[in-house]
PDB file of N, CA and C in Angstrom:
ATOM      1  N   ILE A   1      30.559  41.466  99.914  1.00  0.00           N
ATOM      2  CA  ILE A   1      29.661  40.484 100.405  1.00  0.00           C
ATOM      3  C   ILE A   1      28.155  40.472  99.943  1.00  0.00           C
ATOM      4  N   SER A   2      28.036  42.118 100.126  1.00  0.00           N
ATOM      5  CA  SER A   2      26.561  42.159  99.666  1.00  0.00           C
ATOM      6  C   SER A   2      26.572  42.094  97.952  1.00  0.00           C
ATOM      7  N   ASP A   3      27.283  42.162  97.249  1.00  0.00           N
ATOM      8  CA  ASP A   3      26.927  41.294  95.854  1.00  0.00           C
ATOM      9  C   ASP A   3      27.200  40.452  95.987  1.00  0.00           C
ATOM     10  N   MET A   4      28.147  39.248  96.437  1.00  0.00           N
ATOM     11  CA  MET A   4      27.966  38.160  97.025  1.00  0.00           C
ATOM     12  C   MET A   4      26.738  37.731  96.983  1.00  0.00           C
ATOM     13  N   ASP A   5      26.045  38.134  97.986  1.00  0.00           N
ATOM     14  CA  ASP A   5      24.656  37.640  98.586  1.00  0.00           C
ATOM     15  C   ASP A   5      23.444  38.253  97.550  1.00  0.00           C
ATOM     16  N   LYS A   6      23.527  39.204  96.421  1.00  0.00           N
ATOM     17  CA  LYS A   6      22.957  39.499  95.663  1.00  0.00           C
ATOM     18  C   LYS A   6      23.052  38.393  94.570  1.00  0.00           C
ATOM     19  N   SER A   7      24.384  37.805  93.875  1.00  0.00           N
ATOM     20  CA  SER A   7      24.456  36.529  93.195  1.00  0.00           C
ATOM     21  C   SER A   7      23.752  35.479  93.405  1.00  0.00           C
ATOM     22  N   ILE A   8      23.940  34.914  94.953  1.00  0.00           N
ATOM     23  CA  ILE A   8      23.227  34.088  95.202  1.00  0.00           C
ATOM     24  C   ILE A   8      21.689  34.105  95.517  1.00  0.00           C
ATOM     25  N   ASN A   9      21.089  34.975  95.578  1.00  0.00           N
ATOM     26  CA  ASN A   9      19.977  35.255  95.552  1.00  0.00           C
ATOM     27  C   ASN A   9      19.173  35.355  93.877  1.00  0.00           C
ATOM     28  N   LEU A  10      20.028  36.119  93.399  1.00  0.00           N
ATOM     29  CA  LEU A  10      19.361  35.739  92.062  1.00  0.00           C
ATOM     30  C   LEU A  10      19.777  34.161  91.235  1.00  0.00           C
ATOM     31  N   LYS A  11      20.996  33.864  91.220  1.00  0.00           N
ATOM     32  CA  LYS A  11      21.164  32.756  90.338  1.00  0.00           C
ATOM     33  C   LYS A  11      21.321  31.323  91.434  1.00  0.00           C
ATOM     34  N   GLY A  12      20.804  31.450  92.647  1.00  0.00           N
ATOM     35  CA  GLY A  12      20.919  30.184  93.852  1.00  0.00           C
ATOM     36  C   GLY A  12      22.424  29.951  94.545  1.00  0.00           C
ATOM     37  N   ASN A  13      22.389  29.461  95.357  1.00  0.00           N
ATOM     38  CA  ASN A  13      23.589  29.142  95.987  1.00  0.00           C
ATOM     39  C   ASN A  13      24.609  28.059  95.070  1.00  0.00           C
ATOM     40  N   SER A  14      25.526  28.244  95.321  1.00  0.00           N
ATOM     41  CA  SER A  14      26.487  27.204  94.334  1.00  0.00           C
ATOM     42  C   SER A  14      28.114  27.401  95.460  1.00  0.00           C
ATOM     43  N   ALA A  15      28.564  25.989  95.548  1.00  0.00           N
ATOM     44  CA  ALA A  15      29.646  26.099  96.752  1.00  0.00           C
ATOM     45  C   ALA A  15      30.657  26.979  96.487  1.00  0.00           C
ATOM     46  N   ILE A  16      30.693  27.369  95.623  1.00  0.00           N
ATOM     47  CA  ILE A  16      32.136  28.310  95.321  1.00  0.00           C
ATOM     48  C   ILE A  16      31.535  30.197  95.407  1.00  0.00           C
ATOM     49  N   LYS A  17      30.454  30.234  95.345  1.00  0.00           N
ATOM     50  CA  LYS A  17      29.709  31.362  95.729  1.00  0.00           C
ATOM     51  C   LYS A  17      30.053  31.354  97.172  1.00  0.00           C
ATOM     52  N   LEU A  18      29.174  30.197  97.898  1.00  0.00           N
ATOM     53  CA  LEU A  18      29.314  30.348  99.761  1.00  0.00           C
ATOM     54  C   LEU A  18      30.714  30.157  99.965  1.00  0.00           C
ATOM     55  N   PHE A  19      31.863  29.707  99.448  1.00  0.00           N
ATOM     56  CA  PHE A  19      33.054  29.772  99.630  1.00  0.00           C
ATOM     57  C   PHE A  19      33.636  31.231  99.653  1.00  0.00           C
ATOM     58  N   ASN A  20      33.424  31.788  98.572  1.00  0.00           N
ATOM     59  CA  ASN A  20      34.407  33.094  98.903  1.00  0.00           C
ATOM     60  C   ASN A  20      33.249  33.842  99.573  1.00  0.00           C
ATOM     61  N   LYS A  21      32.122  34.008  99.689  1.00  0.00           N
ATOM     62  CA  LYS A  21      31.413  34.794 100.744  1.00  0.00           C
ATOM     63  C   LYS A  21      31.983  34.775 101.992  1.00  0.00           C
ATOM     64  N   GLY A  22      32.283  33.220 102.722  1.00  0.00           N
ATOM     65  CA  GLY A  22      32.253  32.719 104.041  1.00  0.00           C
ATOM     66  C   GLY A  22      34.303  33.270 104.322  1.00  0.00           C
ATOM     67  N   LEU A  23      34.758  33.020 103.124  1.00  0.00           N
ATOM     68  CA  LEU A  23      36.497  33.374 103.330  1.00  0.00           C
ATOM     69  C   LEU A  23      36.401  35.265 103.259  1.00  0.00           C
ATOM     70  N   SER A  24      35.633  35.574 102.253  1.00  0.00           N
ATOM     71  CA  SER A  24      35.395  37.381 102.777  1.00  0.00           C
ATOM     72  C   SER A  24      35.173  37.495 104.154  1.00  0.00           C
ATOM     73  N   GLN A  25      34.120  37.053 104.708  1.00  0.00           N
ATOM     74  CA  GLN A  25      33.768  36.949 105.769  1.00  0.00           C
ATOM     75  C   GLN A  25      34.818  37.286 106.676  1.00  0.00           C
ATOM     76  N   PHE A  26      35.554  35.466 106.804  1.00  0.00           N
ATOM     77  CA  PHE A  26      36.520  34.824 107.634  1.00  0.00           C
ATOM     78  C   PHE A  26      37.724  36.385 107.414  1.00  0.00           C
ATOM     79  N   ASN A  27      37.746  36.095 106.464  1.00  0.00           N
ATOM     80  CA  ASN A  27      38.908  37.637 106.267  1.00  0.00           C
ATOM     81  C   ASN A  27      38.649  39.111 107.322  1.00  0.00           C
ATOM     82  N   LEU A  28      37.417  39.261 107.398  1.00  0.00           N
ATOM     83  CA  LEU A  28      36.997  40.207 107.815  1.00  0.00           C
ATOM     84  C   LEU A  28      37.087  40.380 109.171  1.00  0.00           C
ATOM     85  N   LYS A  29      36.963  39.321 109.759  1.00  0.00           N
ATOM     86  CA  LYS A  29      36.645  38.901 111.102  1.00  0.00           C
ATOM     87  C   LYS A  29      35.095  38.722 111.852  1.00  0.00           C
ATOM     88  N   LYS A  30      34.334  38.458 110.734  1.00  0.00           N
ATOM     89  CA  LYS A  30      33.209  38.370 111.066  1.00  0.00           C
ATOM     90  C   LYS A  30      33.207  36.749 111.045  1.00  0.00           C
ATOM     91  N   PHE A  31      33.231  36.235 111.873  1.00  0.00           N
ATOM     92  CA  PHE A  31      33.353  34.877 112.434  1.00  0.00           C
ATOM     93  C   PHE A  31      32.578  34.557 112.137  1.00  0.00           C
ATOM     94  N   ASN A  32      31.206  34.697 113.016  1.00  0.00           N
ATOM     95  CA  ASN A  32      29.890  34.252 113.205  1.00  0.00           C
ATOM     96  C   ASN A  32      29.278  33.621 111.597  1.00  0.00           C
ATOM     97  N   GLU A  33      29.251  35.007 110.970  1.00  0.00           N
ATOM     98  CA  GLU A  33      28.916  35.135 109.677  1.00  0.00           C
ATOM     99  C   GLU A  33      29.810  33.902 108.612  1.00  0.00           C
ATOM    100  N   ALA A  34      30.811  33.908 108.977  1.00  0.00           N
ATOM    101  CA  ALA A  34      31.563  32.911 108.048  1.00  0.00           C
ATOM    102  C   ALA A  34      31.333  31.624 108.325  1.00  0.00           C
ATOM    103  N   LEU A  35      31.176  31.135 109.890  1.00  0.00           N
ATOM    104  CA  LEU A  35      30.746  30.067 110.177  1.00  0.00           C
ATOM    105  C   LEU A  35      29.482  29.468 109.567  1.00  0.00           C
ATOM    106  N   ASN A  36      28.428  30.660 109.158  1.00  0.00           N
ATOM    107  CA  ASN A  36      27.065  30.305 108.344  1.00  0.00           C
ATOM    108  C   ASN A  36      27.343  29.657 107.274  1.00  0.00           C
ATOM    109  N   SER A  37      28.177  30.869 106.959  1.00  0.00           N
ATOM    110  CA  SER A  37      28.339  30.591 105.256  1.00  0.00           C
ATOM    111  C   SER A  37      29.343  29.175 104.833  1.00  0.00           C
ATOM    112  N   PHE A  38      30.126  28.851 105.596  1.00  0.00           N
ATOM    113  CA  PHE A  38      30.706  27.716 105.563  1.00  0.00           C
ATOM    114  C   PHE A  38      30.215  26.435 105.951  1.00  0.00           C
ATOM    115  N   ASN A  39      28.720  26.530 106.998  1.00  0.00           N
ATOM    116  CA  ASN A  39      27.998  25.428 107.414  1.00  0.00           C
ATOM    117  C   ASN A  39      27.259  25.283 106.191  1.00  0.00           C
ATOM    118  N   GLU A  40      26.382  26.206 105.550  1.00  0.00           N
ATOM    119  CA  GLU A  40      25.907  26.065 104.504  1.00  0.00           C
ATOM    120  C   GLU A  40      26.056  25.934 103.584  1.00  0.00           C
ATOM    121  N   LEU A  41      27.376  25.701 103.021  1.00  0.00           N
ATOM    122  CA  LEU A  41      28.109  25.064 102.205  1.00  0.00           C
ATOM    123  C   LEU A  41      28.483  23.661 102.323  1.00  0.00           C
ATOM    124  N   LEU A  42      28.927  23.589 103.376  1.00  0.00           N
ATOM    125  CA  LEU A  42      28.830  21.870 103.610  1.00  0.00           C
ATOM    126  C   LEU A  42      27.681  21.403 103.831  1.00  0.00           C
ATOM    127  N   GLU A  43      26.752  21.892 103.672  1.00  0.00           N
ATOM    128  CA  GLU A  43      25.451  21.066 103.846  1.00  0.00           C
ATOM    129  C   GLU A  43      25.211  20.518 102.160  1.00  0.00           C
ATOM    130  N   LEU A  44      25.588  21.465 101.300  1.00  0.00           N
ATOM    131  CA  LEU A  44      25.095  21.222 100.080  1.00  0.00           C
ATOM    132  C   LEU A  44      26.834  20.305  99.554  1.00  0.00           C
ATOM    133  N   ASP A  45      27.736  20.673  99.933  1.00  0.00           N
ATOM    134  CA  ASP A  45      28.849  19.303  99.880  1.00  0.00           C
ATOM    135  C   ASP A  45      29.928  19.103 100.870  1.00  0.00           C
ATOM    136  N   ALA A  46      29.593  18.078 101.770  1.00  0.00           N
ATOM    137  CA  ALA A  46      30.180  17.901 102.984  1.00  0.00           C
ATOM    138  C   ALA A  46      31.508  17.668 102.516  1.00  0.00           C
ATOM    139  N   SER A  47      31.961  17.283 101.288  1.00  0.00           N
ATOM    140  CA  SER A  47      33.263  16.872 101.164  1.00  0.00           C
ATOM    141  C   SER A  47      34.178  18.163 100.754  1.00  0.00           C
ATOM    142  N   TYR A  48      33.669  19.320 100.603  1.00  0.00           N
ATOM    143  CA  TYR A  48      34.271  20.173 100.342  1.00  0.00           C
ATOM    144  C   TYR A  48      35.436  21.048 101.136  1.00  0.00           C
ATOM    145  N   LYS A  49      36.941  20.560 100.884  1.00  0.00           N
ATOM    146  CA  LYS A  49      37.829  20.636 102.257  1.00  0.00           C
ATOM    147  C   LYS A  49      38.192  21.407 102.338  1.00  0.00           C
ATOM    148  N   GLU A  50      38.415  23.057 101.571  1.00  0.00           N
ATOM    149  CA  GLU A  50      38.699  24.045 101.924  1.00  0.00           C
ATOM    150  C   GLU A  50      37.886  24.686 102.515  1.00  0.00           C
ATOM    151  N   ALA A  51      36.476  24.276 102.819  1.00  0.00           N
ATOM    152  CA  ALA A  51      35.689  25.033 103.402  1.00  0.00           C
ATOM    153  C   ALA A  51      35.778  24.195 104.818  1.00  0.00           C
ATOM    154  N   LEU A  52      36.186  23.252 104.949  1.00  0.00           N
ATOM    155  CA  LEU A  52      36.258  22.421 106.317  1.00  0.00           C
ATOM    156  C   LEU A  52      37.284  22.859 106.705  1.00  0.00           C
ATOM    157  N   PHE A  53      38.584  23.390 106.060  1.00  0.00           N
ATOM    158  CA  PHE A  53      39.675  23.962 106.181  1.00  0.00           C
ATOM    159  C   PHE A  53      39.578  25.590 107.300  1.00  0.00           C
ATOM    160  N   TYR A  54      38.817  26.428 106.770  1.00  0.00           N
ATOM    161  CA  TYR A  54      38.813  27.640 106.902  1.00  0.00           C
ATOM    162  C   TYR A  54      37.493  27.280 107.916  1.00  0.00           C
ATOM    163  N   ARG A  55      36.549  26.707 107.793  1.00  0.00           N
ATOM    164  CA  ARG A  55      35.527  26.689 109.068  1.00  0.00           C
ATOM    165  C   ARG A  55      36.327  25.938 110.023  1.00  0.00           C
ATOM    166  N   GLY A  56      37.227  25.266 110.018  1.00  0.00           N
ATOM    167  CA  GLY A  56      37.485  24.492 111.321  1.00  0.00           C
ATOM    168  C   GLY A  56      39.082  26.054 111.966  1.00  0.00           C
ATOM    169  N   LEU A  57      39.059  26.571 110.909  1.00  0.00           N
ATOM    170  CA  LEU A  57      40.045  28.061 111.564  1.00  0.00           C
ATOM    171  C   LEU A  57      38.895  29.043 112.275  1.00  0.00           C
ATOM    172  N   THR A  58      37.731  29.036 111.574  1.00  0.00           N
ATOM    173  CA  THR A  58      36.570  30.245 112.083  1.00  0.00           C
ATOM    174  C   THR A  58      36.465  29.472 113.809  1.00  0.00           C
ATOM    175  N   LYS A  59      36.412  27.931 113.699  1.00  0.00           N
ATOM    176  CA  LYS A  59      35.716  27.694 114.964  1.00  0.00           C
ATOM    177  C   LYS A  59      36.612  27.937 115.925  1.00  0.00           C
ATOM    178  N   ILE A  60      38.130  28.162 115.360  1.00  0.00           N
ATOM    179  CA  ILE A  60      39.157  27.825 116.639  1.00  0.00           C
ATOM    180  C   ILE A  60      39.039  29.605 117.054  1.00  0.00           C
ATOM    181  N   SER A  61      38.738  30.397 116.289  1.00  0.00           N
ATOM    182  CA  SER A  61      38.538  31.610 116.430  1.00  0.00           C
ATOM    183  C   SER A  61      38.187  32.287 116.934  1.00  0.00           C
ATOM    184  N   LEU A  62      36.666  31.419 117.226  1.00  0.00           N
ATOM    185  CA  LEU A  62      35.391  31.626 117.797  1.00  0.00           C
ATOM    186  C   LEU A  62      35.372  30.553 119.624  1.00  0.00           C
ATOM    187  N   GLU A  63      36.478  30.341 119.800  1.00  0.00           N
ATOM    188  CA  GLU A  63      37.233  29.322 120.708  1.00  0.00           C
ATOM    189  C   GLU A  63      36.357  28.269 120.915  1.00  0.00           C
ATOM    190  N   GLN A  64      36.104  27.543 119.599  1.00  0.00           N
ATOM    191  CA  GLN A  64      36.001  26.419 119.773  1.00  0.00           C
ATOM    192  C   GLN A  64      36.580  25.381 118.881  1.00  0.00           C
ATOM    193  N   LYS A  65      37.743  25.214 119.776  1.00  0.00           N
ATOM    194  CA  LYS A  65      38.829  24.647 119.539  1.00  0.00           C
ATOM    195  C   LYS A  65      38.877  22.866 119.274  1.00  0.00           C
ATOM    196  N   GLU A  66      38.073  22.557 120.156  1.00  0.00           N
ATOM    197  CA  GLU A  66      38.072  21.005 119.724  1.00  0.00           C
ATOM    198  C   GLU A  66      36.811  20.619 118.481  1.00  0.00           C
ATOM    199  N   GLU A  67      36.264  21.308 118.332  1.00  0.00           N
ATOM    200  CA  GLU A  67      35.135  21.156 116.971  1.00  0.00           C
ATOM    201  C   GLU A  67      36.087  21.441 116.054  1.00  0.00           C
ATOM    202  N   GLY A  68      36.824  22.948 115.978  1.00  0.00           N
ATOM    203  CA  GLY A  68      37.635  23.613 114.731  1.00  0.00           C
ATOM    204  C   GLY A  68      38.548  22.479 114.136  1.00  0.00           C
ATOM    205  N   CYS A  69      39.324  21.557 115.473  1.00  0.00           N
ATOM    206  CA  CYS A  69      40.537  20.875 115.300  1.00  0.00           C
ATOM    207  C   CYS A  69      40.092  19.657 114.253  1.00  0.00           C
ATOM    208  N   LEU A  70      38.649  19.442 114.703  1.00  0.00           N
ATOM    209  CA  LEU A  70      38.309  17.952 114.185  1.00  0.00           C
ATOM    210  C   LEU A  70      37.887  18.595 112.331  1.00  0.00           C
ATOM    211  N   ASP A  71      37.566  19.543 112.416  1.00  0.00           N
ATOM    212  CA  ASP A  71      37.505  20.201 110.907  1.00  0.00           C
ATOM    213  C   ASP A  71      38.643  20.351 110.299  1.00  0.00           C
ATOM    214  N   LEU A  72      39.765  20.739 110.584  1.00  0.00           N
ATOM    215  CA  LEU A  72      40.693  20.524 110.110  1.00  0.00           C
ATOM    216  C   LEU A  72      41.312  19.026 109.715  1.00  0.00           C
ATOM    217  N   SER A  73      41.548  18.346 110.866  1.00  0.00           N
ATOM    218  CA  SER A  73      41.691  16.737 110.295  1.00  0.00           C
ATOM    219  C   SER A  73      40.838  16.090 109.576  1.00  0.00           C
ATOM    220  N   LYS A  74      39.355  16.655 109.043  1.00  0.00           N
ATOM    221  CA  LYS A  74      38.864  16.076 107.999  1.00  0.00           C
ATOM    222  C   LYS A  74      39.452  16.911 106.627  1.00  0.00           C
ATOM    223  N   ALA A  75      39.561  18.358 106.384  1.00  0.00           N
ATOM    224  CA  ALA A  75      40.432  18.795 105.394  1.00  0.00           C
ATOM    225  C   ALA A  75      41.724  18.095 105.012  1.00  0.00           C
ATOM    226  N   GLY A  76      42.378  17.528 105.790  1.00  0.00           N
ATOM    227  CA  GLY A  76      43.573  17.390 106.469  1.00  0.00           C
ATOM    228  C   GLY A  76      43.372  15.332 105.450  1.00  0.00           C
ATOM    229  N   GLU A  77      42.736  15.158 106.034  1.00  0.00           N
ATOM    230  CA  GLU A  77      42.266  13.380 105.620  1.00  0.00           C
ATOM    231  C   GLU A  77      41.451  13.390 103.919  1.00  0.00           C
ATOM    232  N   LEU A  78      41.276  14.494 103.407  1.00  0.00           N
ATOM    233  CA  LEU A  78      39.915  14.643 101.990  1.00  0.00           C
ATOM    234  C   LEU A  78      41.416  15.185 101.196  1.00  0.00           C
ATOM    235  N   GLY A  79      42.526  15.290 101.925  1.00  0.00           N
ATOM    236  CA  GLY A  79      43.798  15.989 100.972  1.00  0.00           C
ATOM    237  C   GLY A  79      43.993  17.807 100.744  1.00  0.00           C
ATOM    238  N   PHE A  80      43.850  18.176 102.134  1.00  0.00           N
ATOM    239  CA  PHE A  80      44.211  19.778 102.482  1.00  0.00           C
ATOM    240  C   PHE A  80      45.271  19.359 102.984  1.00  0.00           C
ATOM    241  N   PHE A  81      46.341  19.269 102.476  1.00  0.00           N
ATOM    242  CA  PHE A  81      47.701  18.795 103.798  1.00  0.00           C
ATOM    243  C   PHE A  81      47.834  20.373 104.218  1.00  0.00           C
ATOM    244  N   THR A  82      47.501  21.567 103.826  1.00  0.00           N
ATOM    245  CA  THR A  82      48.217  22.698 104.632  1.00  0.00           C
ATOM    246  C   THR A  82      47.220  22.409 105.905  1.00  0.00           C
ATOM    247  N   ALA A  83      46.279  21.550 105.901  1.00  0.00           N
ATOM    248  CA  ALA A  83      45.434  21.616 107.331  1.00  0.00           C
ATOM    249  C   ALA A  83      46.456  20.935 108.639  1.00  0.00           C
ATOM    250  N   TYR A  84      47.301  20.266 108.392  1.00  0.00           N
ATOM    251  CA  TYR A  84      48.321  19.677 109.487  1.00  0.00           C
ATOM    252  C   TYR A  84      49.199  20.436 109.892  1.00  0.00           C
ATOM    253  N   ASP A  85      49.599  21.335 108.875  1.00  0.00           N
ATOM    254  CA  ASP A  85      50.383  22.968 109.434  1.00  0.00           C
ATOM    255  C   ASP A  85      49.664  23.475 111.001  1.00  0.00           C
ATOM    256  N   GLU A  86      48.284  23.426 110.519  1.00  0.00           N
ATOM    257  CA  GLU A  86      47.486  24.219 111.292  1.00  0.00           C
ATOM    258  C   GLU A  86      47.378  23.835 112.537  1.00  0.00           C
ATOM    259  N   ILE A  87      47.014  22.596 112.476  1.00  0.00           N
ATOM    260  CA  ILE A  87      46.816  21.195 113.784  1.00  0.00           C
ATOM    261  C   ILE A  87      47.872  21.239 114.669  1.00  0.00           C
ATOM    262  N   LYS A  88      48.946  21.434 114.035  1.00  0.00           N
ATOM    263  CA  LYS A  88      50.309  21.825 115.108  1.00  0.00           C
ATOM    264  C   LYS A  88      50.251  23.108 115.851  1.00  0.00           C
ATOM    265  N   LYS A  89      50.011  23.607 114.998  1.00  0.00           N
ATOM    266  CA  LYS A  89      49.595  25.248 115.552  1.00  0.00           C
ATOM    267  C   LYS A  89      48.576  25.438 116.393  1.00  0.00           C
ATOM    268  N   TYR A  90      47.669  24.731 116.506  1.00  0.00           N
ATOM    269  CA  TYR A  90      46.030  25.128 117.330  1.00  0.00           C
ATOM    270  C   TYR A  90      45.935  23.999 118.266  1.00  0.00           C
ATOM    271  N   CYS A  91      46.036  22.673 117.515  1.00  0.00           N
ATOM    272  CA  CYS A  91      45.675  21.434 117.976  1.00  0.00           C
ATOM    273  C   CYS A  91      46.597  20.689 118.965  1.00  0.00           C
ATOM    274  N   THR A  92      47.400  21.069 119.085  1.00  0.00           N
ATOM    275  CA  THR A  92      48.223  20.000 120.133  1.00  0.00           C
ATOM    276  C   THR A  92      48.517  20.403 121.358  1.00  0.00           C
TER     277      THR A  92
END
């Protein structure tokens, strides 16, 4: 993650860098940090469906179920169909 931060600082934010950083933080269960990374990414590109998906899962992990389910729904509407499996699991 620190290497990703250095890359972002040197060459500026890009969607893929922020996504990889957020995904790494998510997988390490650093949910608050992951949420910040996904939020920053979605400010650059609000239709980044993978980021919406993982931000949704991150919010659910942070006990923000309603907001997380909305993100999962948006990801599904944008074509990230795996989101619907997670909606069935967490949002019903």
